[in-house]
Amino acid sequence: MHIPTMEEMLAENKMPEILFWVGCSGSYDQRAQKITKAFASILSKVGINYAILGKEEMCTGDPARRAGNEFLFQMMAYQNMHILDGYQIKKIVTACPHCFNIFKNEYPVLGGNYEVVHHATFLQKLIDEGKIKMKEDGVFRGKKITYHDSCYLGRANNIYEAPRKVLEALDVELVEMKRCKSKGLCCGAGGAQMFKEEEKGTKRINEERTAEAIETGAGIIASNCPFCMTMLSDGVKLHEKEESVKVFDIAELIVQSMEG
């Protein structure tokens, strides 16, 4: 896939509608790279004029701030703002709720003001506008799917309906876990827990959350966050359900079901 970078766009005196912020997981994690490809494929198919920063993209600093390293966070944030403002970026779309949350709620205090959209909301808008059309006999039609609310999209930003509307467009049977929406249980990776050793306890959070998803009887767990994807996939392995339960990001479900 050829994805244009901002540098290439600038050289041609062009400006994209949106900047697709890939994020650390989407860039380096093998599983999350599939989410990045899926979302980029959707953008290309519907003719959205977009670009990425490529090698100029740095981590937003979310894990550093969550882990308590405020100095490192601010260093990263100012560097990112310098690049974004240099390109006069106004609108950012990202598939990572952690990147979304920090750009939307924490960068403005430092002077970084951007319109930030999570890919769940962006996909819902494309479906509502009729830009994404589903195949009549989609791969997931009638399948039982449960959706996991990520903390930074759900409780932190009150985005509950957009990802569910996206799943409804697939004509699936959406079954909710007992703890969902504002009562949803964390996958265990938020707040920089993704990168640190776990503390002693009787059960891993991702094990408990995945058990709740398996209990619904769904064959697919849908997520909207690369960190949740890691935790839920590991949970499915722990429960030895890899054959019967699959974990997909909503963008992956859409790209497999859309026309064109």
Protein backbone atom coordinates (compact mmCIF):
# COMPACT_ATOMS: atom_id res chain seq x y z
CA MET A 1 0.00 0.00 0.00
CA HIS A 2 1.26 3.45 -0.77
CA ILE A 3 0.22 5.83 1.96
CA PRO A 4 1.14 9.48 1.33
CA THR A 5 3.13 11.27 4.03
CA MET A 6 2.68 14.92 4.97
CA GLU A 7 6.19 15.58 3.65
CA GLU A 8 5.22 14.22 0.20
CA MET A 9 1.97 16.19 0.24
CA LEU A 10 3.77 19.42 1.12
CA ALA A 11 6.27 18.87 -1.70
CA GLU A 12 3.30 18.78 -4.11
CA ASN A 13 1.62 21.79 -2.47
CA LYS A 14 -1.32 19.62 -1.37
CA MET A 15 -3.19 19.47 1.92
CA PRO A 16 -5.06 16.35 3.09
CA GLU A 17 -8.57 16.45 4.57
CA ILE A 18 -7.33 14.48 7.55
CA LEU A 19 -4.13 13.34 9.17
CA PHE A 20 -4.30 9.64 10.07
CA TRP A 21 -2.41 9.34 13.36
CA VAL A 22 -1.16 5.74 13.42
CA GLY A 23 0.21 5.56 16.98
CA CYS A 24 2.85 3.27 18.49
CA SER A 25 0.81 0.05 18.49
CA GLY A 26 -0.51 0.63 15.00
CA SER A 27 3.05 1.18 13.77
CA TYR A 28 5.04 -1.50 15.59
CA ASP A 29 2.74 -4.19 16.96
CA GLN A 30 2.21 -6.92 14.36
CA ARG A 31 -1.40 -7.52 15.30
CA ALA A 32 -2.25 -3.81 15.49
CA GLN A 33 -0.62 -3.21 12.09
CA LYS A 34 -3.58 -5.13 10.62
CA ILE A 35 -5.94 -2.53 12.16
CA THR A 36 -3.88 0.25 10.57
CA LYS A 37 -4.03 -1.49 7.16
CA ALA A 38 -7.76 -2.09 7.48
CA PHE A 39 -8.51 1.55 8.32
CA ALA A 40 -6.15 2.86 5.60
CA SER A 41 -7.88 0.54 3.08
CA ILE A 42 -11.28 1.96 4.05
CA LEU A 43 -10.03 5.54 3.66
CA SER A 44 -8.59 4.71 0.22
CA LYS A 45 -11.72 2.86 -0.94
CA VAL A 46 -14.07 5.70 -0.05
CA GLY A 47 -11.73 8.29 -1.57
CA ILE A 48 -10.78 10.21 1.56
CA ASN A 49 -7.81 12.48 0.96
CA TYR A 50 -5.51 11.63 3.88
CA ALA A 51 -1.86 11.42 4.89
CA ILE A 52 0.30 10.16 7.75
CA LEU A 53 3.38 11.68 9.36
CA GLY A 54 5.45 8.53 8.78
CA LYS A 55 8.88 8.77 10.38
CA GLU A 56 8.03 12.20 11.77
CA GLU A 57 5.35 10.72 14.03
CA MET A 58 6.34 10.30 17.68
CA CYS A 59 4.47 8.72 20.57
CA THR A 60 1.86 11.15 21.96
CA GLY A 61 3.41 10.69 25.41
CA ASP A 62 0.28 9.09 26.89
CA PRO A 63 2.09 6.12 28.50
CA ALA A 64 4.78 8.43 29.90
CA ARG A 65 2.21 10.70 31.54
CA ARG A 66 0.13 7.78 32.86
CA ALA A 67 3.28 6.25 34.35
CA GLY A 68 4.07 9.54 36.09
CA ASN A 69 6.86 10.92 33.87
CA GLU A 70 5.39 14.37 33.27
CA PHE A 71 8.69 15.81 31.99
CA LEU A 72 8.97 13.17 29.23
CA PHE A 73 5.31 13.63 28.30
CA GLN A 74 5.67 17.39 27.86
CA MET A 75 8.86 16.98 25.82
CA MET A 76 7.07 14.57 23.46
CA ALA A 77 3.93 16.71 23.32
CA TYR A 78 5.80 19.91 22.38
CA GLN A 79 7.76 18.04 19.72
CA ASN A 80 4.52 16.64 18.21
CA MET A 81 2.83 20.05 18.35
CA HIS A 82 5.81 21.62 16.60
CA ILE A 83 5.45 19.13 13.71
CA LEU A 84 1.63 19.28 13.56
CA ASP A 85 1.55 23.07 13.63
CA GLY A 86 4.38 23.23 11.07
CA TYR A 87 2.14 21.31 8.65
CA GLN A 88 -0.91 23.35 9.76
CA ILE A 89 -2.79 20.19 10.69
CA LYS A 90 -6.35 20.87 11.79
CA LYS A 91 -8.03 17.45 11.82
CA ILE A 92 -6.62 14.20 13.21
CA VAL A 93 -8.23 10.75 12.97
CA THR A 94 -6.77 7.89 15.01
CA ALA A 95 -7.65 4.25 15.70
CA CYS A 96 -6.21 4.47 19.23
CA PRO A 97 -8.40 5.79 22.09
CA HIS A 98 -5.27 6.66 24.11
CA CYS A 99 -3.96 8.94 21.32
CA PHE A 100 -7.49 10.30 20.79
CA ASN A 101 -8.01 11.13 24.46
CA ILE A 102 -4.67 12.85 25.02
CA PHE A 103 -4.93 14.98 21.84
CA LYS A 104 -8.52 15.94 22.60
CA ASN A 105 -8.34 16.55 26.34
CA GLU A 106 -4.73 17.11 27.36
CA TYR A 107 -2.85 18.76 24.48
CA PRO A 108 -5.05 21.93 24.50
CA VAL A 109 -3.68 22.90 27.94
CA LEU A 110 -0.21 23.00 26.34
CA GLY A 111 -1.50 24.98 23.36
CA GLY A 112 -2.16 22.11 20.94
CA ASN A 113 -5.69 22.57 19.60
CA TYR A 114 -6.86 20.10 16.95
CA GLU A 115 -10.12 18.53 15.87
CA VAL A 116 -9.63 14.90 16.91
CA VAL A 117 -11.89 12.05 15.80
CA HIS A 118 -11.71 8.41 16.83
CA HIS A 119 -12.05 5.94 13.97
CA ALA A 120 -15.30 4.51 15.44
CA THR A 121 -17.00 7.91 15.10
CA PHE A 122 -15.40 8.49 11.70
CA LEU A 123 -16.61 5.11 10.38
CA GLN A 124 -20.12 5.71 11.69
CA LYS A 125 -20.20 9.05 9.84
CA LEU A 126 -19.05 7.41 6.59
CA ILE A 127 -21.77 4.75 6.96
CA ASP A 128 -24.44 7.38 7.75
CA GLU A 129 -23.40 9.41 4.70
CA GLY A 130 -23.68 6.31 2.52
CA LYS A 131 -19.99 6.40 1.61
CA ILE A 132 -19.48 2.94 3.08
CA LYS A 133 -21.95 0.42 1.69
CA MET A 134 -22.15 -3.11 3.04
CA LYS A 135 -22.36 -6.25 0.91
CA GLU A 136 -25.76 -7.89 1.20
CA ASP A 137 -24.26 -11.23 2.12
CA GLY A 138 -21.50 -9.87 4.38
CA VAL A 139 -19.12 -12.34 6.07
CA PHE A 140 -20.42 -11.43 9.54
CA ARG A 141 -24.13 -11.20 8.74
CA GLY A 142 -26.19 -12.82 11.50
CA LYS A 143 -23.07 -13.67 13.51
CA LYS A 144 -23.11 -13.20 17.26
CA ILE A 145 -20.72 -10.39 18.23
CA THR A 146 -19.99 -8.81 21.60
CA TYR A 147 -18.39 -5.39 21.89
CA HIS A 148 -15.81 -4.34 24.49
CA ASP A 149 -15.92 -0.68 25.57
CA SER A 150 -12.39 0.64 25.94
CA CYS A 151 -11.96 2.95 28.95
CA TYR A 152 -10.54 5.89 27.03
CA LEU A 153 -13.29 5.91 24.42
CA GLY A 154 -16.13 4.98 26.76
CA ARG A 155 -15.88 6.34 30.27
CA ALA A 156 -13.28 9.00 29.46
CA ASN A 157 -15.09 10.42 26.41
CA ASN A 158 -18.65 9.05 26.54
CA ILE A 159 -18.47 7.45 23.09
CA TYR A 160 -20.67 4.37 23.36
CA GLU A 161 -23.10 4.53 20.46
CA ALA A 162 -20.81 5.13 17.45
CA PRO A 163 -19.01 1.74 17.58
CA ARG A 164 -22.32 -0.05 18.20
CA LYS A 165 -23.93 1.70 15.22
CA VAL A 166 -20.98 0.56 13.09
CA LEU A 167 -21.57 -3.04 14.21
CA GLU A 168 -25.32 -2.76 13.58
CA ALA A 169 -24.55 -1.78 9.98
CA LEU A 170 -22.95 -5.21 9.59
CA ASP A 171 -26.35 -6.81 10.29
CA VAL A 172 -24.96 -8.84 13.18
CA GLU A 173 -26.50 -10.02 16.43
CA LEU A 174 -24.94 -7.74 19.04
CA VAL A 175 -24.89 -9.32 22.50
CA GLU A 176 -23.79 -7.17 25.41
CA MET A 177 -21.61 -8.32 28.29
CA LYS A 178 -23.05 -7.86 31.80
CA ARG A 179 -20.59 -5.03 32.40
CA CYS A 180 -20.84 -2.70 29.44
CA LYS A 181 -20.99 0.99 28.49
CA SER A 182 -20.33 3.18 31.58
CA LYS A 183 -20.11 0.01 33.72
CA GLY A 184 -17.63 -1.68 31.36
CA LEU A 185 -14.60 -3.46 32.82
CA CYS A 186 -11.11 -2.38 31.76
CA CYS A 187 -9.10 -4.87 29.69
CA GLY A 188 -6.15 -4.34 32.04
CA ALA A 189 -3.87 -2.28 29.76
CA GLY A 190 -4.92 1.31 30.49
CA GLY A 191 -2.95 3.79 32.56
CA ALA A 192 0.42 2.50 31.23
CA GLN A 193 -0.31 -0.98 32.68
CA MET A 194 0.37 -2.26 29.15
CA PHE A 195 4.09 -1.68 29.72
CA LYS A 196 4.72 -2.74 33.30
CA GLU A 197 4.97 -5.96 35.24
CA GLU A 198 1.69 -7.05 36.72
CA GLU A 199 1.10 -6.82 40.45
CA LYS A 200 0.29 -9.88 42.51
CA GLY A 201 -3.38 -10.82 42.61
CA THR A 202 -5.68 -13.77 42.24
CA LYS A 203 -6.70 -13.17 38.63
CA ARG A 204 -5.57 -11.12 35.66
CA ILE A 205 -7.99 -8.41 34.58
CA ASN A 206 -7.85 -9.46 30.93
CA GLU A 207 -8.66 -13.05 31.95
CA GLU A 208 -11.78 -11.87 33.79
CA ARG A 209 -12.88 -9.55 30.99
CA THR A 210 -12.41 -12.21 28.32
CA ALA A 211 -14.40 -14.69 30.43
CA GLU A 212 -17.30 -12.20 30.41
CA ALA A 213 -17.05 -11.93 26.62
CA ILE A 214 -16.96 -15.73 26.17
CA GLU A 215 -20.01 -16.10 28.46
CA THR A 216 -22.13 -14.15 25.96
CA GLY A 217 -21.72 -17.04 23.51
CA ALA A 218 -20.38 -14.66 20.84
CA GLY A 219 -17.91 -16.03 18.32
CA ILE A 220 -16.39 -12.57 17.78
CA ILE A 221 -15.22 -9.96 20.27
CA ALA A 222 -15.12 -6.51 18.68
CA SER A 223 -12.78 -3.84 20.02
CA ASN A 224 -11.77 -0.30 19.08
CA CYS A 225 -8.34 -0.09 20.71
CA PRO A 226 -4.99 -1.76 19.94
CA PHE A 227 -4.21 -2.19 23.66
CA CYS A 228 -7.57 -3.89 24.26
CA MET A 229 -6.88 -6.04 21.19
CA THR A 230 -3.67 -7.36 22.80
CA MET A 231 -5.30 -8.01 26.15
CA LEU A 232 -8.42 -9.70 24.77
CA SER A 233 -6.41 -11.84 22.32
CA ASP A 234 -4.18 -12.99 25.20
CA GLY A 235 -7.31 -13.66 27.25
CA VAL A 236 -8.77 -15.85 24.50
CA LYS A 237 -5.49 -17.83 24.43
CA LEU A 238 -5.54 -18.22 28.23
CA HIS A 239 -9.07 -19.63 28.01
CA GLU A 240 -7.95 -21.88 25.10
CA LYS A 241 -10.76 -20.58 22.89
CA GLU A 242 -8.67 -19.53 19.88
CA GLU A 243 -10.60 -21.81 17.53
CA SER A 244 -14.09 -20.65 18.48
CA VAL A 245 -13.60 -16.98 19.49
CA LYS A 246 -11.91 -14.33 17.33
CA VAL A 247 -10.98 -10.77 18.27
CA PHE A 248 -11.33 -8.06 15.61
CA ASP A 249 -11.15 -4.28 15.53
CA ILE A 250 -14.28 -2.64 14.12
CA ALA A 251 -12.25 -1.39 11.11
CA GLU A 252 -11.27 -4.99 10.29
CA LEU A 253 -14.92 -6.06 10.42
CA ILE A 254 -15.91 -3.20 8.09
CA VAL A 255 -13.16 -3.74 5.53
CA GLN A 256 -14.19 -7.39 5.15
CA SER A 257 -17.88 -6.50 4.75
CA MET A 258 -17.94 -3.40 2.56
CA GLU A 259 -18.56 -3.17 -1.15
CA GLY A 260 -15.85 -1.99 -3.51
